[in-house]
N, C-alpha and C. Protein backbone atom coordinates (compact mmCIF):
# COMPACT_ATOMS: atom_id res chain seq x y z
N MET A 1 -7.89 36.54 58.72
CA MET A 1 -7.87 37.28 57.46
C MET A 1 -7.07 36.44 56.45
N ASN A 2 -7.64 36.22 55.23
CA ASN A 2 -6.90 35.46 54.27
C ASN A 2 -5.94 36.35 53.51
N ASN A 3 -5.06 35.73 52.74
CA ASN A 3 -4.00 36.45 52.03
C ASN A 3 -4.58 37.46 51.04
N GLN A 4 -5.71 37.17 50.42
CA GLN A 4 -6.33 38.06 49.44
C GLN A 4 -6.74 39.39 50.10
N ASP A 5 -7.17 39.36 51.37
CA ASP A 5 -7.59 40.57 52.04
C ASP A 5 -6.40 41.49 52.37
N ASN A 6 -5.22 40.97 52.31
CA ASN A 6 -4.03 41.72 52.67
C ASN A 6 -3.30 42.23 51.44
N GLN A 7 -3.96 42.21 50.28
CA GLN A 7 -3.30 42.61 49.04
C GLN A 7 -3.97 43.84 48.41
N ILE A 8 -3.15 44.62 47.76
CA ILE A 8 -3.64 45.74 46.96
C ILE A 8 -3.30 45.37 45.52
N LYS A 9 -4.33 45.22 44.68
CA LYS A 9 -4.07 44.77 43.31
C LYS A 9 -5.19 45.21 42.39
N ASN A 10 -4.91 45.11 41.14
CA ASN A 10 -5.87 45.35 40.09
C ASN A 10 -6.20 44.04 39.40
N PRO A 11 -7.31 44.00 38.61
CA PRO A 11 -7.58 42.77 37.86
C PRO A 11 -6.40 42.48 36.92
N LYS A 12 -6.03 41.23 36.84
CA LYS A 12 -4.86 40.84 36.06
C LYS A 12 -5.22 40.73 34.59
N VAL A 13 -4.41 41.38 33.76
CA VAL A 13 -4.54 41.22 32.30
C VAL A 13 -3.78 39.95 31.93
N GLU A 14 -4.49 38.97 31.39
CA GLU A 14 -3.86 37.73 31.04
C GLU A 14 -3.02 37.90 29.79
N VAL A 15 -1.88 37.18 29.76
CA VAL A 15 -0.99 37.20 28.60
C VAL A 15 -0.77 35.74 28.18
N PRO A 16 -0.39 35.54 26.93
CA PRO A 16 -0.18 34.18 26.46
C PRO A 16 0.95 33.51 27.25
N THR A 17 0.81 32.24 27.49
CA THR A 17 1.86 31.46 28.16
C THR A 17 2.63 30.68 27.10
N GLY A 18 3.73 30.16 27.45
CA GLY A 18 4.54 29.37 26.54
C GLY A 18 5.97 29.92 26.47
N THR A 19 6.66 29.51 25.44
CA THR A 19 8.06 29.90 25.33
C THR A 19 8.26 31.24 24.65
N ASN A 20 7.24 31.76 23.98
CA ASN A 20 7.36 33.07 23.34
C ASN A 20 7.20 34.16 24.38
N LEU A 21 7.95 35.26 24.17
CA LEU A 21 7.82 36.39 25.10
C LEU A 21 6.48 37.07 24.87
N ASN A 22 5.90 37.58 25.98
CA ASN A 22 4.62 38.30 25.90
C ASN A 22 4.82 39.70 26.44
N ASP A 23 3.75 40.49 26.47
CA ASP A 23 3.85 41.88 26.94
C ASP A 23 4.39 41.98 28.34
N LYS A 24 3.94 41.10 29.22
CA LYS A 24 4.41 41.11 30.61
C LYS A 24 5.93 40.86 30.66
N ASP A 25 6.41 39.94 29.88
CA ASP A 25 7.86 39.64 29.85
C ASP A 25 8.66 40.85 29.39
N TYR A 26 8.17 41.49 28.31
CA TYR A 26 8.86 42.68 27.81
C TYR A 26 8.86 43.82 28.83
N MET A 27 7.72 43.99 29.50
CA MET A 27 7.62 45.04 30.52
C MET A 27 8.52 44.74 31.71
N ASN A 28 8.60 43.49 32.12
CA ASN A 28 9.50 43.11 33.23
C ASN A 28 10.94 43.40 32.86
N CYS A 29 11.31 43.08 31.64
CA CYS A 29 12.69 43.31 31.17
C CYS A 29 12.97 44.82 31.15
N LEU A 30 12.03 45.60 30.62
CA LEU A 30 12.20 47.04 30.57
C LEU A 30 12.31 47.63 31.99
N LEU A 31 11.45 47.18 32.88
CA LEU A 31 11.49 47.69 34.26
C LEU A 31 12.80 47.35 34.93
N SER A 32 13.29 46.14 34.76
CA SER A 32 14.58 45.76 35.34
C SER A 32 15.70 46.60 34.81
N SER A 33 15.70 46.83 33.50
CA SER A 33 16.74 47.66 32.90
C SER A 33 16.70 49.08 33.40
N LEU A 34 15.51 49.64 33.51
CA LEU A 34 15.36 50.99 34.01
C LEU A 34 15.80 51.11 35.46
N LYS A 35 15.47 50.13 36.28
CA LYS A 35 15.90 50.14 37.67
C LYS A 35 17.42 50.17 37.76
N GLU A 36 18.05 49.32 36.94
CA GLU A 36 19.52 49.25 36.95
C GLU A 36 20.12 50.58 36.49
N MET A 37 19.53 51.19 35.47
CA MET A 37 20.03 52.48 34.98
C MET A 37 19.90 53.55 36.07
N VAL A 38 18.78 53.57 36.75
CA VAL A 38 18.56 54.57 37.81
C VAL A 38 19.63 54.40 38.91
N LYS A 39 19.89 53.14 39.29
CA LYS A 39 20.92 52.89 40.30
C LYS A 39 22.29 53.39 39.83
N ASN A 40 22.61 53.10 38.56
CA ASN A 40 23.93 53.52 38.05
C ASN A 40 24.03 55.03 37.94
N TYR A 41 22.95 55.70 37.57
CA TYR A 41 23.01 57.16 37.52
C TYR A 41 23.12 57.75 38.92
N ALA A 42 22.51 57.13 39.92
CA ALA A 42 22.64 57.60 41.29
C ALA A 42 24.12 57.53 41.71
N ILE A 43 24.78 56.45 41.36
CA ILE A 43 26.21 56.33 41.66
C ILE A 43 27.01 57.38 40.90
N SER A 44 26.68 57.57 39.62
CA SER A 44 27.38 58.57 38.82
C SER A 44 27.23 59.98 39.38
N LEU A 45 26.04 60.27 39.92
CA LEU A 45 25.84 61.58 40.53
C LEU A 45 26.81 61.83 41.66
N THR A 46 27.06 60.82 42.46
CA THR A 46 27.94 61.02 43.63
C THR A 46 29.41 61.12 43.20
N GLU A 47 29.71 60.73 41.96
CA GLU A 47 31.10 60.73 41.50
C GLU A 47 31.37 61.73 40.37
N ALA A 48 30.39 62.56 40.07
CA ALA A 48 30.58 63.54 38.99
C ALA A 48 31.73 64.49 39.30
N SER A 49 32.56 64.74 38.32
CA SER A 49 33.78 65.53 38.55
C SER A 49 33.57 67.02 38.41
N ASN A 50 32.52 67.47 37.77
CA ASN A 50 32.27 68.90 37.66
C ASN A 50 30.76 69.17 37.57
N GLU A 51 30.42 70.41 37.68
CA GLU A 51 28.99 70.82 37.77
C GLU A 51 28.22 70.47 36.50
N ALA A 52 28.81 70.72 35.32
CA ALA A 52 28.09 70.43 34.06
C ALA A 52 27.80 68.94 33.94
N LEU A 53 28.76 68.13 34.31
CA LEU A 53 28.57 66.68 34.24
C LEU A 53 27.51 66.25 35.26
N TYR A 54 27.58 66.82 36.45
CA TYR A 54 26.58 66.52 37.47
C TYR A 54 25.19 66.87 37.00
N GLU A 55 25.01 68.06 36.41
CA GLU A 55 23.68 68.48 35.94
C GLU A 55 23.17 67.56 34.83
N GLU A 56 24.03 67.10 33.94
CA GLU A 56 23.60 66.18 32.87
C GLU A 56 23.21 64.83 33.47
N TYR A 57 23.98 64.32 34.39
CA TYR A 57 23.63 63.09 35.05
C TYR A 57 22.31 63.23 35.80
N LEU A 58 22.13 64.35 36.46
CA LEU A 58 20.89 64.58 37.22
C LEU A 58 19.68 64.60 36.30
N ARG A 59 19.83 65.29 35.16
CA ARG A 59 18.73 65.33 34.18
C ARG A 59 18.37 63.92 33.69
N MET A 60 19.40 63.14 33.39
CA MET A 60 19.17 61.76 32.93
C MET A 60 18.59 60.91 34.03
N PHE A 61 19.11 61.06 35.27
CA PHE A 61 18.58 60.32 36.38
C PHE A 61 17.08 60.59 36.57
N ASN A 62 16.70 61.86 36.52
CA ASN A 62 15.29 62.22 36.69
C ASN A 62 14.43 61.65 35.58
N GLU A 63 14.94 61.68 34.36
CA GLU A 63 14.20 61.16 33.20
C GLU A 63 13.97 59.67 33.33
N TYR A 64 15.04 58.93 33.61
CA TYR A 64 14.91 57.48 33.73
C TYR A 64 14.11 57.06 34.97
N SER A 65 14.23 57.84 36.02
CA SER A 65 13.48 57.57 37.24
C SER A 65 12.00 57.71 36.97
N SER A 66 11.62 58.76 36.26
CA SER A 66 10.20 58.99 35.93
C SER A 66 9.70 57.88 34.99
N LEU A 67 10.51 57.50 34.04
CA LEU A 67 10.10 56.43 33.12
C LEU A 67 9.93 55.11 33.85
N GLN A 68 10.84 54.84 34.77
CA GLN A 68 10.72 53.60 35.58
C GLN A 68 9.45 53.59 36.35
N ARG A 69 9.07 54.73 36.94
CA ARG A 69 7.81 54.83 37.69
C ARG A 69 6.60 54.61 36.77
N GLU A 70 6.63 55.18 35.58
CA GLU A 70 5.53 55.00 34.64
C GLU A 70 5.36 53.53 34.25
N VAL A 71 6.46 52.84 34.02
CA VAL A 71 6.42 51.43 33.64
C VAL A 71 5.84 50.63 34.83
N PHE A 72 6.30 50.91 36.04
CA PHE A 72 5.76 50.18 37.21
C PHE A 72 4.27 50.45 37.33
N GLU A 73 3.84 51.69 37.22
CA GLU A 73 2.42 52.02 37.36
C GLU A 73 1.57 51.32 36.28
N LEU A 74 2.08 51.24 35.06
CA LEU A 74 1.35 50.52 34.00
C LEU A 74 1.25 49.07 34.33
N MET A 75 2.33 48.47 34.82
CA MET A 75 2.28 47.03 35.18
C MET A 75 1.34 46.82 36.35
N PHE A 76 1.30 47.76 37.31
CA PHE A 76 0.38 47.61 38.42
C PHE A 76 -1.06 47.71 37.97
N ARG A 77 -1.36 48.63 37.04
CA ARG A 77 -2.71 48.78 36.54
C ARG A 77 -3.17 47.54 35.80
N LYS A 78 -2.21 46.85 35.18
CA LYS A 78 -2.53 45.61 34.45
C LYS A 78 -2.61 44.39 35.36
N GLY A 79 -2.35 44.61 36.65
CA GLY A 79 -2.44 43.50 37.61
C GLY A 79 -1.23 42.62 37.65
N TRP A 80 -0.14 43.06 37.09
CA TRP A 80 1.08 42.27 37.05
C TRP A 80 1.95 42.51 38.30
N TYR A 81 1.56 43.42 39.17
CA TYR A 81 2.19 43.63 40.45
C TYR A 81 1.12 43.60 41.52
N VAL A 82 1.40 42.94 42.62
CA VAL A 82 0.50 42.87 43.76
C VAL A 82 1.26 43.44 44.95
N LEU A 83 0.65 44.38 45.65
CA LEU A 83 1.26 44.96 46.85
C LEU A 83 0.62 44.38 48.09
N GLU A 84 1.36 44.32 49.14
CA GLU A 84 0.85 43.82 50.41
C GLU A 84 0.55 45.00 51.33
N LYS A 85 -0.63 44.98 51.90
CA LYS A 85 -0.97 46.02 52.88
C LYS A 85 -0.10 45.84 54.11
N ALA A 86 0.43 46.93 54.61
CA ALA A 86 1.22 46.84 55.84
C ALA A 86 0.29 46.97 57.04
N GLU A 87 0.45 46.09 58.00
CA GLU A 87 -0.32 46.15 59.21
C GLU A 87 0.18 47.28 60.09
N ASN A 88 -0.74 47.92 60.81
CA ASN A 88 -0.36 49.07 61.62
C ASN A 88 0.74 48.73 62.62
N ASN A 89 0.71 47.54 63.22
CA ASN A 89 1.73 47.19 64.20
C ASN A 89 3.13 47.06 63.54
N LYS A 90 3.18 46.64 62.26
CA LYS A 90 4.45 46.56 61.57
C LYS A 90 4.98 47.95 61.28
N ILE A 91 4.09 48.84 60.88
CA ILE A 91 4.48 50.25 60.63
C ILE A 91 4.98 50.88 61.91
N ASP A 92 4.23 50.72 63.00
CA ASP A 92 4.64 51.29 64.28
C ASP A 92 5.99 50.74 64.74
N SER A 93 6.18 49.41 64.58
CA SER A 93 7.43 48.79 65.01
C SER A 93 8.60 49.33 64.18
N LYS A 94 8.41 49.46 62.88
CA LYS A 94 9.50 49.97 62.03
C LYS A 94 9.79 51.44 62.35
N TYR A 95 8.75 52.21 62.64
CA TYR A 95 8.94 53.61 63.01
C TYR A 95 9.75 53.73 64.30
N GLN A 96 9.39 52.93 65.31
CA GLN A 96 10.12 52.95 66.58
C GLN A 96 11.58 52.56 66.38
N CYS A 97 11.82 51.55 65.57
CA CYS A 97 13.18 51.10 65.30
C CYS A 97 14.00 52.21 64.63
N LEU A 98 13.44 52.83 63.59
CA LEU A 98 14.16 53.88 62.88
C LEU A 98 14.33 55.13 63.74
N ASN A 99 13.33 55.42 64.56
CA ASN A 99 13.40 56.58 65.44
C ASN A 99 14.51 56.36 66.48
N GLN A 100 14.62 55.15 66.99
CA GLN A 100 15.67 54.84 67.95
C GLN A 100 17.04 54.98 67.32
N GLU A 101 17.19 54.47 66.09
CA GLU A 101 18.47 54.60 65.37
C GLU A 101 18.82 56.08 65.17
N PHE A 102 17.81 56.88 64.81
CA PHE A 102 18.02 58.31 64.61
C PHE A 102 18.47 58.96 65.91
N THR A 103 17.81 58.60 67.01
CA THR A 103 18.13 59.15 68.33
C THR A 103 19.56 58.75 68.71
N ASP A 104 19.95 57.51 68.45
CA ASP A 104 21.28 57.06 68.77
C ASP A 104 22.34 57.80 67.95
N LEU A 105 22.04 58.09 66.69
CA LEU A 105 22.99 58.82 65.85
C LEU A 105 23.18 60.28 66.32
N ASN A 106 22.12 60.84 66.84
CA ASN A 106 22.17 62.25 67.26
C ASN A 106 22.45 62.42 68.74
N GLY A 107 22.61 61.32 69.47
CA GLY A 107 22.76 61.38 70.91
C GLY A 107 24.12 61.57 71.39
């Protein structure tokens, strides 16, 4: 099986090359910023000092999380992200490993 058969992707929307920023560059920057914000809000949630603050952080976390997902999905539709299909044996192996860790924790 060649590498192409193991990928999940859409047709790639070509963007200009060169030193000027293009749509893909801007979207990558936006996605990176949103990912960082979501991580920081997750930390803030665990350290919120009162319920009102926690609720506001949670609202913002959900908003930025949804926006991050929308940006990723748009980039995927444009072919700027390629996913790899997971082979069944890899999934089974990971499941067994995690299941064993779970059993060890509860044993």
